[in-house]
N, C-alpha and C. Protein backbone atom coordinates (compact mmCIF):
# COMPACT_ATOMS: atom_id res chain seq x y z
N UNK A 1 8.23 16.66 9.53
CA UNK A 1 8.89 16.16 8.35
C UNK A 1 7.85 15.41 7.61
N UNK A 2 8.08 15.02 6.05
CA UNK A 2 7.60 14.54 5.52
C UNK A 2 6.96 12.71 5.69
N UNK A 3 5.59 12.44 5.50
CA UNK A 3 5.78 10.82 5.17
C UNK A 3 4.76 10.50 3.54
N UNK A 4 5.25 9.96 3.41
CA UNK A 4 4.79 9.34 2.39
C UNK A 4 4.50 7.86 1.73
N UNK A 5 2.94 7.99 2.05
CA UNK A 5 1.97 6.97 2.23
C UNK A 5 1.56 6.62 0.47
N UNK A 6 2.08 4.73 0.37
CA UNK A 6 0.89 4.78 -1.37
C UNK A 6 0.05 3.37 -1.12
N UNK A 7 -0.14 2.86 0.28
CA UNK A 7 -1.09 1.45 0.12
C UNK A 7 -2.15 2.69 1.47
N UNK A 8 -2.15 1.85 2.23
CA UNK A 8 -3.41 1.84 3.27
C UNK A 8 -3.13 3.04 4.16
N UNK A 9 -2.44 3.99 3.66
CA UNK A 9 -1.81 4.99 4.11
C UNK A 9 -2.48 6.11 4.02
N UNK A 10 -3.03 5.84 2.50
CA UNK A 10 -3.72 7.00 1.59
C UNK A 10 -4.60 7.17 2.33
N UNK A 11 -6.07 6.65 2.86
CA UNK A 11 -7.60 6.80 3.19
C UNK A 11 -7.19 6.09 4.51
N UNK A 12 -6.50 5.77 5.11
CA UNK A 12 -7.13 5.77 6.42
C UNK A 12 -5.72 5.64 7.63
N UNK A 13 -5.46 7.03 7.82
CA UNK A 13 -4.49 7.05 8.24
C UNK A 13 -4.47 6.49 9.91
N UNK A 14 -4.80 7.20 10.55
CA UNK A 14 -5.06 7.21 12.29
C UNK A 14 -4.08 7.85 12.73
N UNK A 15 -3.83 8.96 12.47
CA UNK A 15 -2.58 9.11 13.29
C UNK A 15 -2.95 11.59 12.35
N UNK A 16 -2.28 11.91 13.11
CA UNK A 16 -2.56 13.62 13.35
C UNK A 16 -1.40 13.69 12.06
N UNK A 17 -2.15 15.24 11.45
CA UNK A 17 -1.27 15.14 9.91
C UNK A 17 -1.37 17.12 10.22
N UNK A 18 -0.61 17.61 10.06
CA UNK A 18 -0.84 19.62 9.48
C UNK A 18 -1.29 19.33 8.01
N UNK A 19 -0.96 19.04 7.19
CA UNK A 19 -0.75 19.16 5.49
C UNK A 19 -1.03 17.63 5.64
N UNK A 20 -1.23 17.62 3.48
CA UNK A 20 -1.69 16.06 2.96
C UNK A 20 -2.44 16.12 1.70
N UNK A 21 -1.18 16.17 1.48
CA UNK A 21 -1.14 16.37 -0.44
C UNK A 21 -0.32 15.10 -1.12
N UNK A 22 -1.03 15.27 -2.51
CA UNK A 22 -0.89 14.39 -3.57
C UNK A 22 0.77 14.20 -4.07
N UNK A 23 1.22 13.42 -4.31
CA UNK A 23 2.66 13.51 -4.38
C UNK A 23 3.27 12.20 -5.29
N UNK A 24 4.43 11.97 -4.64
CA UNK A 24 4.87 10.74 -5.74
C UNK A 24 6.75 11.30 -5.01
N UNK A 25 6.41 9.33 -5.73
CA UNK A 25 7.70 9.30 -5.69
C UNK A 25 8.42 8.60 -7.06
N UNK A 26 10.06 8.76 -7.58
CA UNK A 26 10.60 8.17 -8.48
C UNK A 26 11.88 6.89 -8.16
N UNK A 27 10.85 5.72 -9.46
CA UNK A 27 12.02 5.03 -9.50
C UNK A 27 11.25 4.00 -8.38
N UNK A 28 10.08 3.35 -8.52
CA UNK A 28 9.44 2.36 -7.26
C UNK A 28 8.29 2.27 -7.86
N UNK A 29 7.89 0.94 -8.13
CA UNK A 29 6.22 0.70 -8.11
C UNK A 29 5.62 -0.03 -6.81
N UNK A 30 3.86 -0.10 -7.38
CA UNK A 30 3.51 -0.58 -5.66
C UNK A 30 3.20 -1.82 -6.56
N UNK A 31 3.16 -2.73 -5.79
CA UNK A 31 2.69 -3.81 -5.74
C UNK A 31 2.14 -5.27 -4.32
N UNK A 32 1.54 -5.41 -4.90
CA UNK A 32 0.87 -6.71 -3.86
C UNK A 32 1.68 -7.58 -3.41
N UNK A 33 2.74 -7.71 -2.84
CA UNK A 33 3.72 -8.28 -2.77
C UNK A 33 4.10 -8.57 -1.32
N UNK A 34 3.75 -7.48 -0.09
CA UNK A 34 3.71 -8.17 0.64
C UNK A 34 2.81 -9.05 1.69
N UNK A 35 3.07 -10.09 2.02
CA UNK A 35 2.05 -10.63 3.56
C UNK A 35 1.82 -10.01 4.49
N UNK A 36 0.21 -10.02 5.07
CA UNK A 36 0.01 -9.62 6.13
C UNK A 36 -0.37 -10.38 7.09
N UNK A 37 -0.05 -11.08 8.26
CA UNK A 37 -0.03 -11.71 8.93
C UNK A 37 -0.72 -10.98 10.12
N UNK A 38 -1.04 -9.92 10.37
CA UNK A 38 -2.03 -9.27 11.34
C UNK A 38 -3.33 -8.41 10.64
N UNK A 39 -2.81 -7.63 9.75
CA UNK A 39 -3.91 -6.92 9.88
C UNK A 39 -4.98 -7.20 8.21
N UNK A 40 -4.56 -7.99 7.75
CA UNK A 40 -5.02 -8.09 6.46
C UNK A 40 -5.18 -9.87 6.14
N UNK A 41 -5.00 -10.48 6.99
CA UNK A 41 -4.47 -11.63 6.92
C UNK A 41 -4.41 -12.11 8.48
N UNK A 42 -3.95 -14.02 8.42
CA UNK A 42 -3.99 -14.22 9.99
C UNK A 42 -2.54 -14.90 9.94
N UNK A 43 -1.55 -15.71 10.37
CA UNK A 43 -0.64 -16.56 10.65
C UNK A 43 -0.25 -16.80 9.80
N UNK A 44 -1.58 -18.08 9.90
CA UNK A 44 -0.56 -18.96 8.84
C UNK A 44 -1.32 -18.97 7.16
N UNK A 45 -2.45 -17.60 7.22
CA UNK A 45 -2.79 -17.79 5.82
C UNK A 45 -2.45 -15.97 5.50
N UNK A 46 -1.23 -15.90 5.12
CA UNK A 46 -1.94 -14.29 5.10
C UNK A 46 -2.14 -13.39 3.88
N UNK A 47 -2.68 -12.43 4.48
CA UNK A 47 -3.03 -11.14 2.42
C UNK A 47 -2.25 -11.03 2.43
N UNK A 48 -2.19 -9.83 1.06
CA UNK A 48 -1.68 -9.64 0.53
C UNK A 48 -1.46 -7.67 0.75
N UNK A 49 -0.71 -7.14 0.96
CA UNK A 49 -1.05 -5.69 1.05
C UNK A 49 0.29 -5.19 0.00
N UNK A 50 0.53 -4.19 0.04
CA UNK A 50 1.40 -3.47 -1.15
C UNK A 50 2.85 -2.90 -0.43
N UNK A 51 4.29 -2.88 -1.09
CA UNK A 51 5.50 -2.66 -0.60
C UNK A 51 5.31 -2.02 -2.33
N UNK A 52 6.17 -1.00 -2.34
CA UNK A 52 7.48 -0.49 -2.52
C UNK A 52 8.53 -1.36 -3.61
N UNK A 53 8.23 -1.59 -4.78
CA UNK A 53 9.24 -2.25 -5.36
C UNK A 53 10.45 -1.57 -6.74
N UNK A 54 11.65 -1.49 -6.61
CA UNK A 54 11.90 -1.01 -7.36
C UNK A 54 11.95 -1.11 -9.08
N UNK A 55 12.17 0.23 -9.60
CA UNK A 55 11.34 0.15 -11.42
C UNK A 55 12.51 1.16 -11.64
N UNK A 56 13.10 1.14 -13.03
CA UNK A 56 13.40 2.09 -13.61
C UNK A 56 12.24 3.49 -13.76
N UNK A 57 12.06 4.23 -14.45
CA UNK A 57 11.70 4.84 -15.24
C UNK A 57 10.25 4.96 -14.38
N UNK A 58 10.07 4.93 -13.50
CA UNK A 58 7.98 4.47 -13.23
C UNK A 58 7.81 5.65 -11.58
N UNK A 59 6.39 5.88 -11.27
CA UNK A 59 6.31 6.77 -10.63
C UNK A 59 5.35 6.51 -9.84
N UNK A 60 5.43 6.18 -8.49
CA UNK A 60 4.81 6.28 -7.81
C UNK A 60 4.17 7.06 -6.66
N UNK A 61 2.37 7.53 -7.30
CA UNK A 61 1.42 8.54 -6.97
C UNK A 61 0.93 7.54 -5.39
N UNK A 62 1.03 8.83 -4.34
CA UNK A 62 -0.26 8.53 -3.47
C UNK A 62 0.15 9.83 -2.33
N UNK A 63 -0.50 10.21 -1.21
CA UNK A 63 -0.37 11.34 -0.03
C UNK A 63 0.29 11.23 0.36
N UNK A 64 0.91 12.65 0.68
CA UNK A 64 2.77 13.03 1.09
C UNK A 64 1.56 13.82 2.70
N UNK A 65 2.29 13.45 3.65
CA UNK A 65 1.21 13.83 4.56
C UNK A 65 2.35 14.57 6.09
N UNK A 66 2.16 16.00 6.13
CA UNK A 66 3.14 16.68 7.07
C UNK A 66 2.75 16.49 8.13
N UNK A 67 3.56 15.68 8.94
CA UNK A 67 2.98 15.62 10.01
C UNK A 67 4.93 15.04 11.82
N UNK A 68 4.50 15.58 12.97
CA UNK A 68 5.79 15.77 13.69
C UNK A 68 5.99 14.25 13.55
N UNK A 69 7.55 14.39 14.38
CA UNK A 69 8.24 13.11 14.99
C UNK A 69 7.45 12.20 15.89
N UNK A 70 6.58 12.54 16.66
CA UNK A 70 6.08 11.72 17.47
C UNK A 70 4.29 10.51 16.56
N UNK A 71 3.89 10.77 15.89
CA UNK A 71 4.07 9.79 14.54
C UNK A 71 4.30 8.72 13.88
N UNK A 72 5.96 8.47 14.20
CA UNK A 72 6.17 7.51 13.24
C UNK A 72 6.52 6.50 14.40
N UNK A 73 6.28 7.15 16.27
CA UNK A 73 6.27 5.81 17.37
C UNK A 73 4.93 5.39 16.56
N UNK A 74 3.81 5.51 16.46
CA UNK A 74 2.79 4.92 16.33
C UNK A 74 2.89 4.39 14.99
N UNK A 75 3.78 4.59 13.49
CA UNK A 75 3.27 4.46 12.67
C UNK A 75 4.62 2.76 13.12
N UNK A 76 5.90 3.22 13.90
CA UNK A 76 6.41 1.54 13.74
C UNK A 76 5.77 0.19 14.26
N UNK A 77 4.43 0.76 14.91
CA UNK A 77 3.95 -0.69 15.44
C UNK A 77 2.96 -0.66 14.45
N UNK A 78 2.14 -0.11 13.67
CA UNK A 78 1.52 -0.29 13.04
C UNK A 78 2.29 -1.13 11.57
N UNK A 79 3.26 -0.75 11.48
CA UNK A 79 3.85 -1.76 9.92
C UNK A 79 4.57 -2.24 10.57
N UNK A 80 4.79 -3.34 11.82
CA UNK A 80 5.45 -3.82 11.86
C UNK A 80 6.41 -5.21 11.21
N UNK A 81 4.66 -5.33 10.61
CA UNK A 81 4.88 -6.94 9.74
C UNK A 81 6.26 -6.57 8.50
N UNK A 82 7.54 -6.14 9.11
CA UNK A 82 7.86 -6.41 8.08
C UNK A 82 8.47 -5.21 6.70
N UNK A 83 8.46 -4.52 7.68
CA UNK A 83 8.48 -2.86 6.63
C UNK A 83 9.35 -2.22 7.86
N UNK A 84 10.18 -1.29 7.15
CA UNK A 84 11.55 -0.80 7.29
C UNK A 84 11.00 0.72 6.87
N UNK A 85 11.57 1.93 8.04
CA UNK A 85 11.77 2.98 7.62
C UNK A 85 12.63 3.59 6.48
N UNK A 86 11.87 3.70 5.92
CA UNK A 86 14.12 4.48 4.69
C UNK A 86 13.40 5.73 3.83
N UNK A 87 14.20 6.52 3.91
CA UNK A 87 13.96 7.89 3.34
C UNK A 87 14.01 7.67 2.21
N UNK A 88 13.20 9.24 1.36
CA UNK A 88 12.61 9.50 0.11
C UNK A 88 12.56 10.46 -0.48
N UNK A 89 12.79 10.40 -1.89
CA UNK A 89 13.04 12.17 -2.20
C UNK A 89 10.95 11.79 -2.40
N UNK A 90 10.39 12.98 -2.22
CA UNK A 90 9.13 13.08 -2.55
C UNK A 90 8.84 14.16 -3.45
N UNK A 91 8.06 13.84 -4.59
CA UNK A 91 7.88 15.43 -5.38
C UNK A 91 6.32 15.60 -5.70
N UNK A 92 6.17 16.87 -5.23
CA UNK A 92 4.98 17.75 -5.68
C UNK A 92 4.84 18.28 -6.72
N UNK A 93 3.54 18.51 -7.20
CA UNK A 93 3.79 18.94 -8.59
C UNK A 93 4.73 20.49 -8.68
N UNK A 94 5.01 20.88 -7.93
CA UNK A 94 6.42 22.12 -8.28
C UNK A 94 7.28 21.93 -7.35
N UNK A 95 8.16 20.80 -6.96
CA UNK A 95 8.95 20.99 -5.83
C UNK A 95 9.91 19.38 -5.25
N UNK A 96 10.38 19.51 -4.37
CA UNK A 96 10.38 18.40 -3.75
C UNK A 96 11.88 18.50 -2.13
N UNK A 97 11.08 17.59 -1.52
CA UNK A 97 11.20 17.36 0.09
C UNK A 97 11.47 15.97 0.30
N UNK A 98 12.68 16.21 1.26
CA UNK A 98 13.35 14.45 1.46
C UNK A 98 11.96 14.55 2.66
N UNK A 99 12.23 13.22 2.41
CA UNK A 99 10.79 12.28 3.21
C UNK A 99 11.66 10.91 3.62
N UNK A 100 9.87 9.90 3.70
CA UNK A 100 10.11 9.23 4.91
C UNK A 100 9.21 8.18 4.71
N UNK A 101 9.01 6.59 3.70
CA UNK A 101 7.92 5.82 4.06
C UNK A 101 8.62 5.00 4.53
N UNK A 102 7.18 3.19 4.49
CA UNK A 102 7.66 2.18 5.09
C UNK A 102 7.90 1.38 3.97
N UNK A 103 8.70 1.33 3.67
CA UNK A 103 8.85 -0.02 2.51
C UNK A 103 9.25 -1.44 3.30
N UNK A 104 8.38 -2.49 2.27
CA UNK A 104 9.14 -4.32 2.97
C UNK A 104 9.94 -4.51 1.66
N UNK A 105 11.15 -4.40 2.15
CA UNK A 105 12.26 -5.10 1.43
C UNK A 105 11.94 -6.93 0.92
N UNK A 106 12.50 -7.38 -0.02
CA UNK A 106 12.33 -8.40 -0.70
C UNK A 106 12.73 -9.48 0.98
N UNK A 107 14.18 -9.24 1.44
CA UNK A 107 14.17 -9.62 2.33
C UNK A 107 14.17 -10.59 3.33
N UNK A 108 12.34 -9.58 3.87
CA UNK A 108 11.82 -9.92 5.06
C UNK A 108 10.99 -10.90 5.68
N UNK A 109 10.87 -11.43 6.23
CA UNK A 109 10.54 -12.59 6.61
C UNK A 109 8.53 -12.60 5.96
N UNK A 110 8.17 -11.21 5.64
CA UNK A 110 6.92 -11.61 4.88
C UNK A 110 6.61 -11.44 3.99
N UNK A 111 7.91 -10.88 2.69
CA UNK A 111 8.12 -11.19 1.67
C UNK A 111 7.38 -12.59 1.18
N UNK A 112 6.28 -12.12 0.12
CA UNK A 112 5.75 -13.00 -0.64
C UNK A 112 6.14 -13.23 -2.43
N UNK A 113 6.26 -11.98 -2.39
CA UNK A 113 6.65 -11.71 -4.41
C UNK A 113 5.56 -11.91 -4.79
N UNK A 114 6.21 -11.96 -6.16
CA UNK A 114 5.55 -12.12 -7.54
C UNK A 114 4.53 -13.15 -7.68
N UNK A 115 3.10 -12.90 -8.49
CA UNK A 115 2.33 -14.34 -8.41
C UNK A 115 1.19 -13.86 -9.58
N UNK A 116 0.95 -15.59 -10.13
CA UNK A 116 -0.14 -15.25 -10.90
C UNK A 116 -1.13 -13.96 -10.72
N UNK A 117 -1.83 -13.48 -11.65
CA UNK A 117 -2.45 -12.79 -11.25
C UNK A 117 -4.23 -13.34 -10.13
N UNK A 118 -4.28 -14.87 -10.88
CA UNK A 118 -5.13 -15.49 -10.63
C UNK A 118 -4.84 -15.88 -8.81
N UNK A 119 -3.59 -16.62 -8.27
CA UNK A 119 -3.22 -16.70 -7.56
C UNK A 119 -3.51 -15.50 -6.28
N UNK A 120 -3.41 -14.16 -6.45
CA UNK A 120 -3.34 -13.15 -6.05
C UNK A 120 -4.58 -12.70 -6.06
N UNK A 121 -5.46 -13.33 -6.70
CA UNK A 121 -6.57 -12.46 -6.54
C UNK A 121 -7.55 -13.37 -5.62
N UNK A 122 -7.75 -14.98 -5.65
CA UNK A 122 -7.97 -16.15 -4.63
C UNK A 122 -7.60 -16.23 -3.53
N UNK A 123 -5.94 -15.29 -3.11
CA UNK A 123 -5.63 -15.03 -1.84
C UNK A 123 -6.39 -13.79 -1.43
N UNK A 124 -6.40 -13.01 -1.57
CA UNK A 124 -6.67 -12.01 -1.37
C UNK A 124 -8.67 -11.97 -1.29
N UNK A 125 -9.02 -12.82 -2.22
CA UNK A 125 -10.45 -13.27 -1.32
C UNK A 125 -10.29 -14.09 -0.66
N UNK A 126 -9.37 -14.77 -0.39
CA UNK A 126 -9.76 -15.53 0.87
C UNK A 126 -9.92 -15.06 2.50
N UNK A 127 -8.38 -13.88 2.25
CA UNK A 127 -8.53 -13.38 2.73
C UNK A 127 -8.37 -12.53 4.07
N UNK A 128 -8.28 -12.10 5.81
CA UNK A 128 -9.44 -11.46 6.54
C UNK A 128 -8.35 -11.32 8.03
N UNK A 129 -8.16 -10.23 7.99
CA UNK A 129 -7.52 -10.09 9.56
C UNK A 129 -8.25 -9.35 10.42
N UNK A 130 -7.40 -8.36 12.03
CA UNK A 130 -7.74 -8.18 12.51
C UNK A 130 -8.62 -6.32 11.85
N UNK A 131 -7.66 -5.87 10.86
CA UNK A 131 -8.64 -4.23 9.92
C UNK A 131 -9.27 -4.88 8.89
N UNK A 132 -9.88 -6.04 8.58
CA UNK A 132 -10.96 -6.12 7.78
C UNK A 132 -10.63 -6.73 6.74
N UNK A 133 -11.23 -7.35 5.68
CA UNK A 133 -11.12 -8.55 4.58
C UNK A 133 -10.14 -7.84 3.16
N UNK A 134 -9.38 -8.42 3.32
CA UNK A 134 -8.12 -8.18 2.37
C UNK A 134 -8.58 -7.66 0.96
N UNK A 135 -9.46 -8.24 0.67
CA UNK A 135 -10.23 -7.14 -0.48
C UNK A 135 -10.72 -6.22 -0.12
N UNK A 136 -11.02 -5.26 0.66
CA UNK A 136 -11.26 -4.12 0.79
C UNK A 136 -10.42 -3.00 1.13
N UNK A 137 -8.69 -3.84 1.49
CA UNK A 137 -8.37 -3.20 1.28
C UNK A 137 -7.88 -2.61 -0.47
N UNK A 138 -8.23 -4.19 -1.33
CA UNK A 138 -7.81 -4.13 -2.64
C UNK A 138 -8.40 -2.11 -3.36
N UNK A 139 -9.55 -2.74 -3.11
CA UNK A 139 -10.62 -1.87 -3.46
C UNK A 139 -10.71 -0.64 -2.86
N UNK A 140 -10.72 -0.36 -1.22
CA UNK A 140 -10.34 1.42 -0.74
C UNK A 140 -9.23 1.61 -1.62
N UNK A 141 -8.12 0.76 -2.19
CA UNK A 141 -6.09 1.60 -2.43
C UNK A 141 -7.19 2.53 -4.40
N UNK A 142 -7.71 1.48 -5.19
CA UNK A 142 -8.33 1.76 -6.03
C UNK A 142 -9.05 2.83 -6.01
N UNK A 143 -10.39 2.84 -5.47
CA UNK A 143 -10.95 4.03 -4.75
C UNK A 143 -9.77 5.62 -4.18
N UNK A 144 -9.15 5.11 -3.36
CA UNK A 144 -8.05 6.36 -3.36
C UNK A 144 -7.44 6.69 -4.50
N UNK A 145 -7.03 5.80 -5.07
CA UNK A 145 -6.26 6.13 -6.27
C UNK A 145 -7.05 7.43 -7.87
N UNK A 146 -7.79 6.41 -7.45
CA UNK A 146 -8.87 7.08 -8.77
C UNK A 146 -8.99 8.59 -8.08
N UNK A 147 -8.81 8.76 -6.50
CA UNK A 147 -9.25 10.54 -5.94
C UNK A 147 -8.65 11.33 -6.67
N UNK A 148 -7.36 9.91 -6.09
CA UNK A 148 -5.96 11.21 -6.63
C UNK A 148 -5.95 11.30 -8.20
N UNK A 149 -6.61 11.19 -8.95
CA UNK A 149 -6.04 11.23 -10.17
C UNK A 149 -4.80 10.16 -10.50
N UNK A 150 -4.51 9.19 -9.55
CA UNK A 150 -3.68 9.01 -10.22
C UNK A 150 -4.02 7.38 -10.36
N UNK A 151 -2.58 6.67 -11.87
CA UNK A 151 -3.17 5.19 -12.28
C UNK A 151 -2.19 4.18 -12.27
N UNK A 152 -2.99 2.92 -12.09
CA UNK A 152 -1.90 2.09 -11.28
C UNK A 152 -2.55 1.07 -11.82
N UNK A 153 -1.40 0.59 -13.03
CA UNK A 153 -2.14 -0.85 -13.40
C UNK A 153 -2.48 -2.06 -12.97
N UNK A 154 -1.08 -1.69 -11.95
CA UNK A 154 -1.67 -3.51 -10.75
C UNK A 154 -2.47 -3.19 -9.96
N UNK A 155 -2.75 -2.40 -9.68
CA UNK A 155 -3.48 -2.49 -8.37
C UNK A 155 -5.58 -2.22 -9.17
N UNK A 156 -5.54 -1.26 -10.54
CA UNK A 156 -6.42 -2.33 -10.73
C UNK A 156 -6.99 -2.71 -11.33
N UNK A 157 -6.18 -4.05 -11.65
CA UNK A 157 -6.04 -4.82 -12.39
C UNK A 157 -6.46 -5.92 -11.69
N UNK A 158 -6.28 -5.94 -10.72
CA UNK A 158 -6.85 -6.81 -9.20
C UNK A 158 -7.64 -5.86 -8.90
N UNK A 159 -8.07 -5.29 -8.80
CA UNK A 159 -9.52 -4.52 -8.79
C UNK A 159 -10.56 -5.38 -8.86
N UNK A 160 -10.58 -5.26 -10.60
CA UNK A 160 -11.27 -5.23 -11.61
C UNK A 160 -11.71 -7.24 -11.44
N UNK A 161 -10.50 -7.49 -10.86
CA UNK A 161 -10.70 -9.41 -11.47
C UNK A 161 -11.41 -9.40 -10.00
N UNK A 162 -11.11 -8.61 -8.59
CA UNK A 162 -12.08 -9.22 -7.58
C UNK A 162 -13.54 -8.67 -7.67
N UNK A 163 -13.51 -7.47 -8.44
CA UNK A 163 -14.82 -7.69 -8.64
C UNK A 163 -15.72 -8.34 -9.32
N UNK A 164 -14.85 -8.86 -10.30
CA UNK A 164 -15.91 -9.33 -11.30
C UNK A 164 -16.12 -10.91 -10.52
N UNK A 165 -14.70 -11.47 -9.78
CA UNK A 165 -15.10 -12.68 -8.82
C UNK A 165 -17.02 -12.56 -7.81
N UNK A 166 -16.94 -11.12 -7.26
CA UNK A 166 -17.78 -11.13 -6.01
C UNK A 166 -19.24 -10.89 -6.96
N UNK A 167 -18.92 -10.74 -8.54
CA UNK A 167 -20.50 -10.60 -9.28
C UNK A 167 -20.49 -11.96 -9.89
N UNK A 168 -19.42 -12.92 -9.81
CA UNK A 168 -19.89 -14.35 -10.17
C UNK A 168 -20.64 -15.21 -8.95
N UNK A 169 -20.16 -14.70 -7.85
CA UNK A 169 -20.45 -15.28 -6.62
C UNK A 169 -22.18 -14.85 -6.79
N UNK A 170 -22.56 -13.74 -6.69
CA UNK A 170 -23.34 -13.19 -6.73
C UNK A 170 -24.24 -14.04 -7.13
N UNK A 171 -24.32 -14.66 -8.57
CA UNK A 171 -25.34 -14.53 -10.10
C UNK A 171 -25.75 -16.38 -9.52
């Protein structure tokens, strides 16, 4: 079965796979609108991680992994903070297959929604959890997207602002 990853699964799998390929899904955008009370934040101060929000004519690039069915047992635990499995059409350059992704819908308990870039950057710079600092998540995602030759203005804007604030603090 194909698994589509659009966030930390791109660079930090933690599961075996038979094949990994650059891929995209249609009609969705990646947004830092999901709270992370465990991996990138704390219960009383959640970090921000990505989820998918519907957007006509959008393409969200990531990586698709060909995995065995038992991988989903591990991922169901990893993605426990408001995410659920959803079936999606996964596009490669030359073909399309049905796959699974994890998406945090707006009605989930940890959904934070949109905020100004300043608010998001302040929250991301402040938060950390058992998987590390929230800012590192943004920086790793931006790096991984560039390695895939994939553009994402939302991610890259947050990355630029986080780097800018780190540079200001050093000066």
